[in-house]
Amino acid sequence: MEEKTIKNRTLLDYFWISVRGFFMGAADVVPGVSGGTMAFILGIYDELLDAIHAVDMNFFRRILTFKWRDIFHEFPWRFLLALVLGIGTAVLTLANALHWALENSPVFVWAFFFGLIIASIIVVRKRVSKWTIFNIAAAIAATVAAFILVGLTPSETPHTPLLLFLSGAVAICAMILPGISGAFILVLLGKYRFVLEAVKNLDILTIALVGLGAVVGLLGFVRLLRWMLNKNHDLVVAILTGFMIGSIRKIWPWKILEPISETFVRETNFIPSAFTLEVLLAVFCMTAGFVLVLVIEHFAGQRVAAHHS
């Protein structure tokens, strides 16, 4: 986004950034849906990467030397504050409701997110200016990789300090990628329930280890991803689109759950054999998610056009 546009932002603009953060937070609390996907389709993905990239050695040097005026002048704190407020609000208000819905009406929840992701793929693929053979091949490879990844059986791993640190680093890298859920990565690593319990019980040591891993992973990975986007934008977006397509396997609404341990279950997708009321309601939820993304994209496009006019 242009510097002029950012400087001319009004309180209403930051409110809409918080709304985007709310959608990101709502996605992040569900294992299988990526907050990065929401950032991508809501048009703040590049700015989010730039804002995180701004946390560099100069930033820490200014903090240590108490140069607060330089920090507030150059660091995009307003954008990040608005975004974090939206994400935090979603986590605090929707986490329990979404987990209740997943326990009691999982088909409808997954159907809504399925429609959302399908529309997201349609929106995101338009951001590739030229679909070359190489870009198509990269998207197919990413699709296959994501399809295999989300179908893996969760594993049991020890909760050692090193593994908790690495789990935080890997999960946050996945969370920033459209199509791959950081929460689901924690599930695969056998850390999702353990981390949730740590947060619930205020286990400061566990939270600190996972959080430190997340900070290190995020700051390092964002620099790599941002560099790749600057070097070959179309190729990276094609790969991210493939990740989103492959992730559909995880959010297909109709599943057979087979317990494989006291903690984990194996999921097998199936197609309903009859057009029941549940199927009809699920299709309605899919349509609602699909339309919601197209409406958001429409208004986001109008706001961008208005800023540049």
C-alpha atoms as a PDB file:
ATOM      1  CA  MET A   1       0.000   0.000   0.000  1.00  0.00           C
ATOM      2  CA  GLU A   2       1.274   3.482  -0.834  1.00  0.00           C
ATOM      3  CA  GLU A   3       2.748   5.606   1.961  1.00  0.00           C
ATOM      4  CA  LYS A   4       0.322   8.431   1.183  1.00  0.00           C
ATOM      5  CA  THR A   5      -2.657   6.117   1.585  1.00  0.00           C
ATOM      6  CA  ILE A   6      -1.410   4.899   4.964  1.00  0.00           C
ATOM      7  CA  LYS A   7      -0.775   8.430   6.277  1.00  0.00           C
ATOM      8  CA  ASN A   8      -4.244   9.589   5.213  1.00  0.00           C
ATOM      9  CA  ARG A   9      -6.053   6.789   7.043  1.00  0.00           C
ATOM     10  CA  THR A  10      -8.983   7.864   9.163  1.00  0.00           C
ATOM     11  CA  LEU A  11     -10.397   6.329  12.331  1.00  0.00           C
ATOM     12  CA  LEU A  12     -12.971   4.578  10.133  1.00  0.00           C
ATOM     13  CA  ASP A  13     -10.169   3.027   8.046  1.00  0.00           C
ATOM     14  CA  TYR A  14      -8.585   1.578  11.173  1.00  0.00           C
ATOM     15  CA  PHE A  15     -11.983   0.283  12.266  1.00  0.00           C
ATOM     16  CA  TRP A  16     -12.193  -1.703   9.024  1.00  0.00           C
ATOM     17  CA  ILE A  17      -8.674  -3.022   9.618  1.00  0.00           C
ATOM     18  CA  SER A  18      -9.913  -4.259  13.010  1.00  0.00           C
ATOM     19  CA  VAL A  19     -12.848  -5.932  11.249  1.00  0.00           C
ATOM     20  CA  ARG A  20     -10.376  -7.730   8.980  1.00  0.00           C
ATOM     21  CA  GLY A  21      -8.427  -8.739  12.086  1.00  0.00           C
ATOM     22  CA  PHE A  22     -11.655 -10.088  13.560  1.00  0.00           C
ATOM     23  CA  PHE A  23     -12.110 -12.374  10.558  1.00  0.00           C
ATOM     24  CA  MET A  24      -8.467 -13.473  10.857  1.00  0.00           C
ATOM     25  CA  GLY A  25      -8.921 -14.285  14.539  1.00  0.00           C
ATOM     26  CA  ALA A  26     -12.125 -16.199  13.848  1.00  0.00           C
ATOM     27  CA  ALA A  27     -10.279 -18.316  11.284  1.00  0.00           C
ATOM     28  CA  ASP A  28      -7.249 -18.908  13.495  1.00  0.00           C
ATOM     29  CA  VAL A  29      -9.209 -20.502  16.345  1.00  0.00           C
ATOM     30  CA  VAL A  30     -10.387 -23.326  14.067  1.00  0.00           C
ATOM     31  CA  PRO A  31      -7.828 -26.100  13.325  1.00  0.00           C
ATOM     32  CA  GLY A  32      -7.986 -26.297   9.538  1.00  0.00           C
ATOM     33  CA  VAL A  33      -8.636 -22.668   8.577  1.00  0.00           C
ATOM     34  CA  SER A  34      -5.800 -20.173   8.111  1.00  0.00           C
ATOM     35  CA  GLY A  35      -5.789 -16.589   9.310  1.00  0.00           C
ATOM     36  CA  GLY A  36      -3.332 -15.970   6.483  1.00  0.00           C
ATOM     37  CA  THR A  37      -6.100 -16.888   4.041  1.00  0.00           C
ATOM     38  CA  MET A  38      -8.338 -14.181   5.499  1.00  0.00           C
ATOM     39  CA  ALA A  39      -5.513 -11.605   5.371  1.00  0.00           C
ATOM     40  CA  PHE A  40      -4.935 -12.553   1.734  1.00  0.00           C
ATOM     41  CA  ILE A  41      -8.529 -12.230   0.537  1.00  0.00           C
ATOM     42  CA  LEU A  42      -9.130  -9.094   2.630  1.00  0.00           C
ATOM     43  CA  GLY A  43      -6.286  -7.272   0.891  1.00  0.00           C
ATOM     44  CA  ILE A  44      -3.945  -6.710   3.853  1.00  0.00           C
ATOM     45  CA  TYR A  45      -1.529  -9.607   3.354  1.00  0.00           C
ATOM     46  CA  ASP A  46       1.335  -7.611   1.827  1.00  0.00           C
ATOM     47  CA  GLU A  47       0.974  -4.826   4.391  1.00  0.00           C
ATOM     48  CA  LEU A  48       0.923  -7.388   7.210  1.00  0.00           C
ATOM     49  CA  LEU A  49       4.211  -8.867   5.964  1.00  0.00           C
ATOM     50  CA  ASP A  50       5.723  -5.368   5.670  1.00  0.00           C
ATOM     51  CA  ALA A  51       4.589  -4.476   9.213  1.00  0.00           C
ATOM     52  CA  ILE A  52       6.106  -7.633  10.704  1.00  0.00           C
ATOM     53  CA  HIS A  53       9.272  -7.082   8.657  1.00  0.00           C
ATOM     54  CA  ALA A  54       9.575  -3.652  10.307  1.00  0.00           C
ATOM     55  CA  VAL A  55      10.430  -5.419  13.575  1.00  0.00           C
ATOM     56  CA  ASP A  56      14.173  -5.479  12.862  1.00  0.00           C
ATOM     57  CA  MET A  57      17.432  -4.672  14.643  1.00  0.00           C
ATOM     58  CA  ASN A  58      16.841  -0.928  14.231  1.00  0.00           C
ATOM     59  CA  PHE A  59      13.465  -1.334  15.947  1.00  0.00           C
ATOM     60  CA  PHE A  60      14.998  -3.113  18.942  1.00  0.00           C
ATOM     61  CA  ARG A  61      17.897  -0.637  19.043  1.00  0.00           C
ATOM     62  CA  ARG A  62      15.458   2.264  19.273  1.00  0.00           C
ATOM     63  CA  ILE A  63      13.585   0.538  22.090  1.00  0.00           C
ATOM     64  CA  LEU A  64      16.803  -0.036  24.053  1.00  0.00           C
ATOM     65  CA  THR A  65      17.866   3.586  23.535  1.00  0.00           C
ATOM     66  CA  PHE A  66      14.373   4.931  24.363  1.00  0.00           C
ATOM     67  CA  LYS A  67      13.905   6.631  20.987  1.00  0.00           C
ATOM     68  CA  TRP A  68      10.131   6.421  21.233  1.00  0.00           C
ATOM     69  CA  ARG A  69       9.454   9.306  18.838  1.00  0.00           C
ATOM     70  CA  ASP A  70      11.323   7.537  16.022  1.00  0.00           C
ATOM     71  CA  ILE A  71       9.432   4.315  16.745  1.00  0.00           C
ATOM     72  CA  PHE A  72       6.008   5.964  16.675  1.00  0.00           C
ATOM     73  CA  HIS A  73       6.912   7.909  13.541  1.00  0.00           C
ATOM     74  CA  GLU A  74       8.312   5.057  11.429  1.00  0.00           C
ATOM     75  CA  PHE A  75       6.829   1.834  12.853  1.00  0.00           C
ATOM     76  CA  PRO A  76       3.303   0.901  11.572  1.00  0.00           C
ATOM     77  CA  TRP A  77       1.950   0.569  15.097  1.00  0.00           C
ATOM     78  CA  ARG A  78      -1.511   1.910  14.277  1.00  0.00           C
ATOM     79  CA  PHE A  79      -2.060  -0.785  11.652  1.00  0.00           C
ATOM     80  CA  LEU A  80      -0.790  -3.575  13.924  1.00  0.00           C
ATOM     81  CA  LEU A  81      -2.735  -2.278  16.939  1.00  0.00           C
ATOM     82  CA  ALA A  82      -5.987  -2.167  14.970  1.00  0.00           C
ATOM     83  CA  LEU A  83      -5.329  -5.633  13.566  1.00  0.00           C
ATOM     84  CA  VAL A  84      -4.394  -7.157  16.932  1.00  0.00           C
ATOM     85  CA  LEU A  85      -7.478  -5.629  18.576  1.00  0.00           C
ATOM     86  CA  GLY A  86      -9.655  -7.307  15.944  1.00  0.00           C
ATOM     87  CA  ILE A  87      -7.877 -10.661  16.257  1.00  0.00           C
ATOM     88  CA  GLY A  88      -8.009 -10.543  20.056  1.00  0.00           C
ATOM     89  CA  THR A  89     -11.697  -9.641  20.060  1.00  0.00           C
ATOM     90  CA  ALA A  90     -12.474 -12.606  17.809  1.00  0.00           C
ATOM     91  CA  VAL A  91     -10.467 -15.042  19.934  1.00  0.00           C
ATOM     92  CA  LEU A  92     -12.091 -13.851  23.179  1.00  0.00           C
ATOM     93  CA  THR A  93     -15.662 -13.730  21.834  1.00  0.00           C
ATOM     94  CA  LEU A  94     -15.771 -16.556  19.299  1.00  0.00           C
ATOM     95  CA  ALA A  95     -13.374 -19.231  20.574  1.00  0.00           C
ATOM     96  CA  ASN A  96     -15.847 -20.869  22.951  1.00  0.00           C
ATOM     97  CA  ALA A  97     -18.764 -20.469  20.524  1.00  0.00           C
ATOM     98  CA  LEU A  98     -16.838 -21.951  17.592  1.00  0.00           C
ATOM     99  CA  HIS A  99     -15.552 -24.867  19.645  1.00  0.00           C
ATOM    100  CA  TRP A 100     -19.110 -25.493  20.900  1.00  0.00           C
ATOM    101  CA  ALA A 101     -20.385 -25.389  17.309  1.00  0.00           C
ATOM    102  CA  LEU A 102     -17.650 -27.781  16.162  1.00  0.00           C
ATOM    103  CA  GLU A 103     -18.645 -30.185  18.929  1.00  0.00           C
ATOM    104  CA  ASN A 104     -22.397 -29.968  18.310  1.00  0.00           C
ATOM    105  CA  SER A 105     -22.878 -28.976  14.637  1.00  0.00           C
ATOM    106  CA  PRO A 106     -19.541 -29.634  12.890  1.00  0.00           C
ATOM    107  CA  VAL A 107     -21.080 -30.179   9.444  1.00  0.00           C
ATOM    108  CA  PHE A 108     -22.503 -26.656   9.312  1.00  0.00           C
ATOM    109  CA  VAL A 109     -19.316 -25.008  10.586  1.00  0.00           C
ATOM    110  CA  TRP A 110     -17.093 -26.846   8.106  1.00  0.00           C
ATOM    111  CA  ALA A 111     -19.614 -26.204   5.310  1.00  0.00           C
ATOM    112  CA  PHE A 112     -19.440 -22.461   5.963  1.00  0.00           C
ATOM    113  CA  PHE A 113     -15.633 -22.481   5.895  1.00  0.00           C
ATOM    114  CA  PHE A 114     -15.666 -24.737   2.811  1.00  0.00           C
ATOM    115  CA  GLY A 115     -17.686 -22.156   0.885  1.00  0.00           C
ATOM    116  CA  LEU A 116     -15.417 -19.441   2.215  1.00  0.00           C
ATOM    117  CA  ILE A 117     -12.253 -21.179   1.006  1.00  0.00           C
ATOM    118  CA  ILE A 118     -13.721 -22.015  -2.433  1.00  0.00           C
ATOM    119  CA  ALA A 119     -14.562 -18.346  -2.987  1.00  0.00           C
ATOM    120  CA  SER A 120     -11.145 -17.371  -1.621  1.00  0.00           C
ATOM    121  CA  ILE A 121      -9.425 -19.535  -4.228  1.00  0.00           C
ATOM    122  CA  ILE A 122     -11.407 -17.810  -6.988  1.00  0.00           C
ATOM    123  CA  VAL A 123     -10.462 -14.394  -5.616  1.00  0.00           C
ATOM    124  CA  VAL A 124      -6.791 -15.132  -4.964  1.00  0.00           C
ATOM    125  CA  ARG A 125      -6.078 -16.783  -8.329  1.00  0.00           C
ATOM    126  CA  LYS A 126      -6.919 -13.469 -10.029  1.00  0.00           C
ATOM    127  CA  ARG A 127      -3.878 -11.949  -8.330  1.00  0.00           C
ATOM    128  CA  VAL A 128      -1.582 -13.971 -10.570  1.00  0.00           C
ATOM    129  CA  SER A 129      -1.095 -11.698 -13.594  1.00  0.00           C
ATOM    130  CA  LYS A 130       0.141 -14.517 -15.859  1.00  0.00           C
ATOM    131  CA  TRP A 131      -0.418 -18.261 -15.372  1.00  0.00           C
ATOM    132  CA  THR A 132       2.660 -19.702 -17.055  1.00  0.00           C
ATOM    133  CA  ILE A 133       3.329 -23.440 -17.287  1.00  0.00           C
ATOM    134  CA  PHE A 134       5.842 -23.094 -14.434  1.00  0.00           C
ATOM    135  CA  ASN A 135       3.330 -21.264 -12.218  1.00  0.00           C
ATOM    136  CA  ILE A 136       0.667 -23.888 -12.939  1.00  0.00           C
ATOM    137  CA  ALA A 137       3.120 -26.702 -12.114  1.00  0.00           C
ATOM    138  CA  ALA A 138       4.088 -24.960  -8.850  1.00  0.00           C
ATOM    139  CA  ALA A 139       0.424 -24.556  -7.894  1.00  0.00           C
ATOM    140  CA  ILE A 140      -0.242 -28.254  -8.597  1.00  0.00           C
ATOM    141  CA  ALA A 141       2.781 -29.287  -6.512  1.00  0.00           C
ATOM    142  CA  ALA A 142       1.617 -27.067  -3.633  1.00  0.00           C
ATOM    143  CA  THR A 143      -1.890 -28.521  -3.908  1.00  0.00           C
ATOM    144  CA  VAL A 144      -0.576 -32.071  -3.635  1.00  0.00           C
ATOM    145  CA  ALA A 145       1.726 -31.148  -0.737  1.00  0.00           C
ATOM    146  CA  ALA A 146      -1.090 -29.467   1.219  1.00  0.00           C
ATOM    147  CA  PHE A 147      -3.498 -32.332   0.426  1.00  0.00           C
ATOM    148  CA  ILE A 148      -1.028 -34.864   1.854  1.00  0.00           C
ATOM    149  CA  LEU A 149      -0.139 -32.657   4.838  1.00  0.00           C
ATOM    150  CA  VAL A 150      -3.702 -32.109   6.063  1.00  0.00           C
ATOM    151  CA  GLY A 151      -4.398 -35.834   5.715  1.00  0.00           C
ATOM    152  CA  LEU A 152      -1.574 -36.897   8.016  1.00  0.00           C
ATOM    153  CA  THR A 153      -2.452 -38.656  11.250  1.00  0.00           C
ATOM    154  CA  PRO A 154      -1.621 -36.569  14.348  1.00  0.00           C
ATOM    155  CA  SER A 155       1.359 -37.822  16.313  1.00  0.00           C
ATOM    156  CA  GLU A 156       2.203 -38.035  20.001  1.00  0.00           C
ATOM    157  CA  THR A 157       5.411 -36.148  20.857  1.00  0.00           C
ATOM    158  CA  PRO A 158       7.087 -35.373  24.190  1.00  0.00           C
ATOM    159  CA  HIS A 159       6.563 -31.911  25.629  1.00  0.00           C
ATOM    160  CA  THR A 160      10.229 -30.977  25.932  1.00  0.00           C
ATOM    161  CA  PRO A 161      11.302 -27.286  25.904  1.00  0.00           C
ATOM    162  CA  LEU A 162      12.989 -27.656  22.493  1.00  0.00           C
ATOM    163  CA  LEU A 163       9.933 -29.267  20.871  1.00  0.00           C
ATOM    164  CA  LEU A 164       7.618 -26.647  22.379  1.00  0.00           C
ATOM    165  CA  PHE A 165       9.856 -23.908  20.947  1.00  0.00           C
ATOM    166  CA  LEU A 166       9.994 -25.586  17.511  1.00  0.00           C
ATOM    167  CA  SER A 167       6.230 -26.219  17.559  1.00  0.00           C
ATOM    168  CA  GLY A 168       5.607 -22.508  18.080  1.00  0.00           C
ATOM    169  CA  ALA A 169       8.013 -21.603  15.263  1.00  0.00           C
ATOM    170  CA  VAL A 170       6.512 -24.061  12.755  1.00  0.00           C
ATOM    171  CA  ALA A 171       2.890 -23.287  13.692  1.00  0.00           C
ATOM    172  CA  ILE A 172       3.307 -19.520  13.276  1.00  0.00           C
ATOM    173  CA  CYS A 173       4.953 -20.011   9.863  1.00  0.00           C
ATOM    174  CA  ALA A 174       1.963 -22.087   8.792  1.00  0.00           C
ATOM    175  CA  MET A 175      -0.463 -19.547  10.234  1.00  0.00           C
ATOM    176  CA  ILE A 176       0.911 -16.766   8.031  1.00  0.00           C
ATOM    177  CA  LEU A 177       0.535 -18.940   4.903  1.00  0.00           C
ATOM    178  CA  PRO A 178      -2.882 -18.923   3.195  1.00  0.00           C
ATOM    179  CA  GLY A 179      -4.381 -22.415   3.200  1.00  0.00           C
ATOM    180  CA  ILE A 180      -2.373 -23.946   6.052  1.00  0.00           C
ATOM    181  CA  SER A 181      -3.654 -23.631   9.595  1.00  0.00           C
ATOM    182  CA  GLY A 182      -1.194 -23.017  12.415  1.00  0.00           C
ATOM    183  CA  ALA A 183      -3.659 -24.596  14.845  1.00  0.00           C
ATOM    184  CA  PHE A 184      -3.794 -27.708  12.664  1.00  0.00           C
ATOM    185  CA  ILE A 185       0.013 -27.917  12.631  1.00  0.00           C
ATOM    186  CA  LEU A 186      -0.112 -27.962  16.433  1.00  0.00           C
ATOM    187  CA  VAL A 187      -2.661 -30.797  16.171  1.00  0.00           C
ATOM    188  CA  LEU A 188      -0.324 -32.757  13.881  1.00  0.00           C
ATOM    189  CA  LEU A 189       2.573 -32.206  16.283  1.00  0.00           C
ATOM    190  CA  GLY A 190       0.478 -33.365  19.224  1.00  0.00           C
ATOM    191  CA  LYS A 191       0.689 -29.969  20.903  1.00  0.00           C
ATOM    192  CA  TYR A 192      -2.738 -28.357  20.292  1.00  0.00           C
ATOM    193  CA  ARG A 193      -4.513 -29.701  23.381  1.00  0.00           C
ATOM    194  CA  PHE A 194      -1.380 -29.299  25.528  1.00  0.00           C
ATOM    195  CA  VAL A 195      -0.972 -25.632  24.530  1.00  0.00           C
ATOM    196  CA  LEU A 196      -4.679 -24.922  25.098  1.00  0.00           C
ATOM    197  CA  GLU A 197      -4.413 -26.445  28.563  1.00  0.00           C
ATOM    198  CA  ALA A 198      -1.309 -24.340  29.233  1.00  0.00           C
ATOM    199  CA  VAL A 199      -3.192 -21.168  28.299  1.00  0.00           C
ATOM    200  CA  LYS A 200      -6.194 -22.197  30.398  1.00  0.00           C
ATOM    201  CA  ASN A 201      -4.002 -23.009  33.429  1.00  0.00           C
ATOM    202  CA  LEU A 202      -1.663 -20.017  32.903  1.00  0.00           C
ATOM    203  CA  ASP A 203       1.375 -22.276  32.563  1.00  0.00           C
ATOM    204  CA  ILE A 204       3.784 -19.372  32.015  1.00  0.00           C
ATOM    205  CA  LEU A 205       6.810 -21.521  31.109  1.00  0.00           C
ATOM    206  CA  THR A 206       4.995 -23.440  28.346  1.00  0.00           C
ATOM    207  CA  ILE A 207       3.350 -20.285  27.009  1.00  0.00           C
ATOM    208  CA  ALA A 208       6.721 -18.499  26.987  1.00  0.00           C
ATOM    209  CA  LEU A 209       8.498 -21.332  25.135  1.00  0.00           C
ATOM    210  CA  VAL A 210       5.806 -21.609  22.456  1.00  0.00           C
ATOM    211  CA  GLY A 211       5.531 -17.807  22.228  1.00  0.00           C
ATOM    212  CA  LEU A 212       9.288 -17.349  21.861  1.00  0.00           C
ATOM    213  CA  GLY A 213       9.341 -19.953  19.098  1.00  0.00           C
ATOM    214  CA  ALA A 214       6.457 -18.162  17.389  1.00  0.00           C
ATOM    215  CA  VAL A 215       8.236 -14.790  17.520  1.00  0.00           C
ATOM    216  CA  VAL A 216      11.521 -16.194  16.168  1.00  0.00           C
ATOM    217  CA  GLY A 217       9.751 -18.217  13.471  1.00  0.00           C
ATOM    218  CA  LEU A 218       7.539 -15.317  12.411  1.00  0.00           C
ATOM    219  CA  LEU A 219      10.307 -12.722  12.159  1.00  0.00           C
ATOM    220  CA  GLY A 220      12.531 -15.072  10.174  1.00  0.00           C
ATOM    221  CA  PHE A 221       9.888 -16.586   7.895  1.00  0.00           C
ATOM    222  CA  VAL A 222       8.221 -13.275   7.023  1.00  0.00           C
ATOM    223  CA  ARG A 223      11.535 -11.953   5.715  1.00  0.00           C
ATOM    224  CA  LEU A 224      11.918 -14.992   3.454  1.00  0.00           C
ATOM    225  CA  LEU A 225       8.301 -14.835   2.251  1.00  0.00           C
ATOM    226  CA  ARG A 226       8.461 -11.077   1.621  1.00  0.00           C
ATOM    227  CA  TRP A 227      11.710 -11.483  -0.339  1.00  0.00           C
ATOM    228  CA  MET A 228      10.134 -14.239  -2.437  1.00  0.00           C
ATOM    229  CA  LEU A 229       7.055 -12.112  -3.172  1.00  0.00           C
ATOM    230  CA  ASN A 230       9.277  -9.240  -4.313  1.00  0.00           C
ATOM    231  CA  LYS A 231      11.400 -11.540  -6.495  1.00  0.00           C
ATOM    232  CA  ASN A 232       8.574 -13.465  -8.177  1.00  0.00           C
ATOM    233  CA  HIS A 233       5.121 -12.399  -7.028  1.00  0.00           C
ATOM    234  CA  ASP A 234       3.130 -14.556  -9.466  1.00  0.00           C
ATOM    235  CA  LEU A 235       5.005 -17.751  -8.589  1.00  0.00           C
ATOM    236  CA  VAL A 236       4.559 -17.274  -4.830  1.00  0.00           C
ATOM    237  CA  VAL A 237       0.848 -16.429  -5.168  1.00  0.00           C
ATOM    238  CA  ALA A 238       0.400 -19.500  -7.414  1.00  0.00           C
ATOM    239  CA  ILE A 239       1.993 -21.648  -4.695  1.00  0.00           C
ATOM    240  CA  LEU A 240      -0.191 -20.066  -2.005  1.00  0.00           C
ATOM    241  CA  THR A 241      -3.259 -20.726  -4.178  1.00  0.00           C
ATOM    242  CA  GLY A 242      -2.217 -24.369  -4.406  1.00  0.00           C
ATOM    243  CA  PHE A 243      -1.940 -24.547  -0.610  1.00  0.00           C
ATOM    244  CA  MET A 244      -5.507 -23.270  -0.350  1.00  0.00           C
ATOM    245  CA  ILE A 245      -6.806 -25.821  -2.872  1.00  0.00           C
ATOM    246  CA  GLY A 246      -5.073 -28.690  -1.084  1.00  0.00           C
ATOM    247  CA  SER A 247      -6.447 -27.596   2.288  1.00  0.00           C
ATOM    248  CA  ILE A 248     -10.004 -28.267   1.077  1.00  0.00           C
ATOM    249  CA  ARG A 249      -9.474 -31.879   2.122  1.00  0.00           C
ATOM    250  CA  LYS A 250      -9.357 -30.827   5.761  1.00  0.00           C
ATOM    251  CA  ILE A 251     -12.495 -28.685   5.729  1.00  0.00           C
ATOM    252  CA  TRP A 252     -14.805 -31.004   3.743  1.00  0.00           C
ATOM    253  CA  PRO A 253     -17.953 -31.033   5.939  1.00  0.00           C
ATOM    254  CA  TRP A 254     -18.837 -34.741   5.888  1.00  0.00           C
ATOM    255  CA  LYS A 255     -16.396 -36.965   7.754  1.00  0.00           C
ATOM    256  CA  ILE A 256     -16.257 -40.367   9.427  1.00  0.00           C
ATOM    257  CA  LEU A 257     -14.354 -40.097  12.718  1.00  0.00           C
ATOM    258  CA  GLU A 258     -12.363 -43.130  13.834  1.00  0.00           C
ATOM    259  CA  PRO A 259     -10.650 -42.931  17.271  1.00  0.00           C
ATOM    260  CA  ILE A 260      -6.971 -43.932  17.097  1.00  0.00           C
ATOM    261  CA  SER A 261      -6.037 -43.000  20.676  1.00  0.00           C
ATOM    262  CA  GLU A 262      -7.501 -41.301  23.724  1.00  0.00           C
ATOM    263  CA  THR A 263      -6.591 -37.940  22.208  1.00  0.00           C
ATOM    264  CA  PHE A 264      -6.739 -38.233  18.407  1.00  0.00           C
ATOM    265  CA  VAL A 265      -9.181 -39.410  15.745  1.00  0.00           C
ATOM    266  CA  ARG A 266      -8.684 -40.310  12.083  1.00  0.00           C
ATOM    267  CA  GLU A 267     -10.942 -38.414   9.656  1.00  0.00           C
ATOM    268  CA  THR A 268     -12.261 -39.970   6.445  1.00  0.00           C
ATOM    269  CA  ASN A 269     -14.246 -37.780   4.044  1.00  0.00           C
ATOM    270  CA  PHE A 270     -17.389 -39.065   2.344  1.00  0.00           C
ATOM    271  CA  ILE A 271     -20.130 -37.758   0.043  1.00  0.00           C
ATOM    272  CA  PRO A 272     -23.709 -37.857   1.450  1.00  0.00           C
ATOM    273  CA  SER A 273     -25.860 -40.446  -0.282  1.00  0.00           C
ATOM    274  CA  ALA A 274     -29.190 -38.668   0.299  1.00  0.00           C
ATOM    275  CA  PHE A 275     -30.348 -35.064   0.078  1.00  0.00           C
ATOM    276  CA  THR A 276     -31.475 -34.646   3.689  1.00  0.00           C
ATOM    277  CA  LEU A 277     -32.388 -31.525   5.647  1.00  0.00           C
ATOM    278  CA  GLU A 278     -28.866 -31.501   7.121  1.00  0.00           C
ATOM    279  CA  VAL A 279     -27.357 -31.564   3.633  1.00  0.00           C
ATOM    280  CA  LEU A 280     -29.671 -28.741   2.530  1.00  0.00           C
ATOM    281  CA  LEU A 281     -28.678 -26.602   5.533  1.00  0.00           C
ATOM    282  CA  ALA A 282     -24.999 -27.408   4.920  1.00  0.00           C
ATOM    283  CA  VAL A 283     -25.318 -26.256   1.287  1.00  0.00           C
ATOM    284  CA  PHE A 284     -26.930 -23.059   2.575  1.00  0.00           C
ATOM    285  CA  CYS A 285     -23.959 -22.515   4.931  1.00  0.00           C
ATOM    286  CA  MET A 286     -21.541 -23.156   2.044  1.00  0.00           C
ATOM    287  CA  THR A 287     -23.352 -20.586  -0.070  1.00  0.00           C
ATOM    288  CA  ALA A 288     -23.299 -18.073   2.801  1.00  0.00           C
ATOM    289  CA  GLY A 289     -19.525 -18.464   3.207  1.00  0.00           C
ATOM    290  CA  PHE A 290     -19.013 -18.221  -0.563  1.00  0.00           C
ATOM    291  CA  VAL A 291     -21.118 -15.061  -0.911  1.00  0.00           C
ATOM    292  CA  LEU A 292     -19.533 -13.449   2.154  1.00  0.00           C
ATOM    293  CA  VAL A 293     -16.056 -13.594   0.598  1.00  0.00           C
ATOM    294  CA  LEU A 294     -17.288 -12.162  -2.711  1.00  0.00           C
ATOM    295  CA  VAL A 295     -19.065  -9.326  -0.896  1.00  0.00           C
ATOM    296  CA  ILE A 296     -15.958  -8.546   1.191  1.00  0.00           C
ATOM    297  CA  GLU A 297     -13.799  -8.625  -1.937  1.00  0.00           C
ATOM    298  CA  HIS A 298     -16.228  -6.297  -3.735  1.00  0.00           C
ATOM    299  CA  PHE A 299     -16.219  -3.674  -0.986  1.00  0.00           C
ATOM    300  CA  ALA A 300     -12.464  -4.028  -0.439  1.00  0.00           C
ATOM    301  CA  GLY A 301     -11.940  -3.365  -4.143  1.00  0.00           C
ATOM    302  CA  GLN A 302     -14.195  -0.306  -3.983  1.00  0.00           C
ATOM    303  CA  ARG A 303     -12.246   1.124  -1.014  1.00  0.00           C
ATOM    304  CA  VAL A 304      -8.919   0.616  -2.786  1.00  0.00           C
ATOM    305  CA  ALA A 305     -10.276   2.292  -5.924  1.00  0.00           C
ATOM    306  CA  ALA A 306     -11.575   5.209  -3.831  1.00  0.00           C
ATOM    307  CA  HIS A 307      -8.174   5.690  -2.160  1.00  0.00           C
ATOM    308  CA  HIS A 308      -6.359   5.769  -5.503  1.00  0.00           C
ATOM    309  CA  SER A 309      -8.859   8.088  -7.208  1.00  0.00           C
END
